[in-house]
Amino acid sequence: MYFLLVKHIRSYFLFMKYLKYLLKILAFQKEKNEILHWVSIGRTTYQEISKIIGIKKCNIKFHMKYNE
């Protein structure tokens, strides 16, 4: 009985870790899409976009550099 409980707890924590990872990926994609949106409507400087979105310029540079 104890073994089954430990097994279920371990499965729960693995699931939560995976869910946390997926949420980070979704947040990353949302940020990237928002940057690309502002670039597409003519906002071209990193400083301008960083003020609008509220993130650091280095994050914008990263997304623009690795845009696929």
Protein backbone atom coordinates (compact mmCIF):
# COMPACT_ATOMS: atom_id res chain seq x y z
CA MET A 1 0.00 0.00 0.00
CA TYR A 2 2.79 2.42 0.90
CA PHE A 3 4.57 1.63 -2.36
CA LEU A 4 1.49 2.60 -4.40
CA LEU A 5 1.19 5.88 -2.53
CA VAL A 6 4.84 6.73 -3.19
CA LYS A 7 4.42 5.78 -6.84
CA HIS A 8 1.40 8.10 -7.22
CA ILE A 9 3.15 10.96 -5.46
CA ARG A 10 6.18 10.57 -7.72
CA SER A 11 3.92 10.55 -10.79
CA TYR A 12 2.19 13.70 -9.55
CA PHE A 13 5.47 15.55 -9.13
CA LEU A 14 6.69 14.46 -12.56
CA PHE A 15 3.42 15.68 -14.06
CA MET A 16 3.73 19.04 -12.28
CA LYS A 17 7.32 19.43 -13.48
CA TYR A 18 6.23 18.72 -17.06
CA LEU A 19 3.30 21.13 -16.76
CA LYS A 20 5.60 23.88 -15.47
CA TYR A 21 7.89 23.28 -18.46
CA LEU A 22 4.98 23.55 -20.90
CA LEU A 23 3.80 26.79 -19.32
CA LYS A 24 7.28 28.28 -19.75
CA ILE A 25 7.26 27.34 -23.42
CA LEU A 26 3.84 28.92 -23.93
CA ALA A 27 4.93 32.13 -22.19
CA PHE A 28 8.07 32.21 -24.34
CA GLN A 29 6.01 31.82 -27.52
CA LYS A 30 3.58 34.54 -26.43
CA GLU A 31 6.46 36.96 -25.82
CA LYS A 32 8.00 36.12 -29.19
CA ASN A 33 4.70 36.61 -31.03
CA GLU A 34 4.13 39.95 -29.33
CA ILE A 35 7.59 41.18 -30.38
CA LEU A 36 7.03 40.08 -33.96
CA HIS A 37 3.66 41.83 -33.97
CA TRP A 38 5.21 45.17 -32.98
CA VAL A 39 7.98 44.77 -35.56
CA SER A 40 5.43 43.97 -38.27
CA ILE A 41 3.54 47.23 -37.65
CA GLY A 42 6.68 49.33 -37.85
CA ARG A 43 8.19 49.50 -34.38
CA THR A 44 11.81 48.79 -35.18
CA THR A 45 13.99 49.82 -32.26
CA TYR A 46 14.60 47.44 -29.40
CA GLN A 47 14.18 50.26 -26.90
CA GLU A 48 10.78 51.23 -28.29
CA ILE A 49 9.47 47.65 -28.21
CA SER A 50 10.88 47.01 -24.73
CA LYS A 51 8.99 50.03 -23.37
CA ILE A 52 5.74 48.89 -24.98
CA ILE A 53 5.95 45.27 -23.84
CA GLY A 54 7.77 45.86 -20.57
CA ILE A 55 10.69 43.47 -21.03
CA LYS A 56 14.44 43.96 -21.36
CA LYS A 57 16.08 44.86 -24.66
CA CYS A 58 18.30 41.78 -24.49
CA ASN A 59 15.17 39.56 -24.60
CA ILE A 60 13.99 41.33 -27.72
CA LYS A 61 17.41 40.95 -29.34
CA PHE A 62 17.34 37.23 -28.52
CA HIS A 63 13.92 36.72 -30.11
CA MET A 64 14.89 38.68 -33.20
CA LYS A 65 18.18 36.82 -33.57
CA TYR A 66 16.63 33.35 -33.24
CA ASN A 67 13.40 34.06 -35.08
CA GLU A 68 12.46 31.05 -37.21
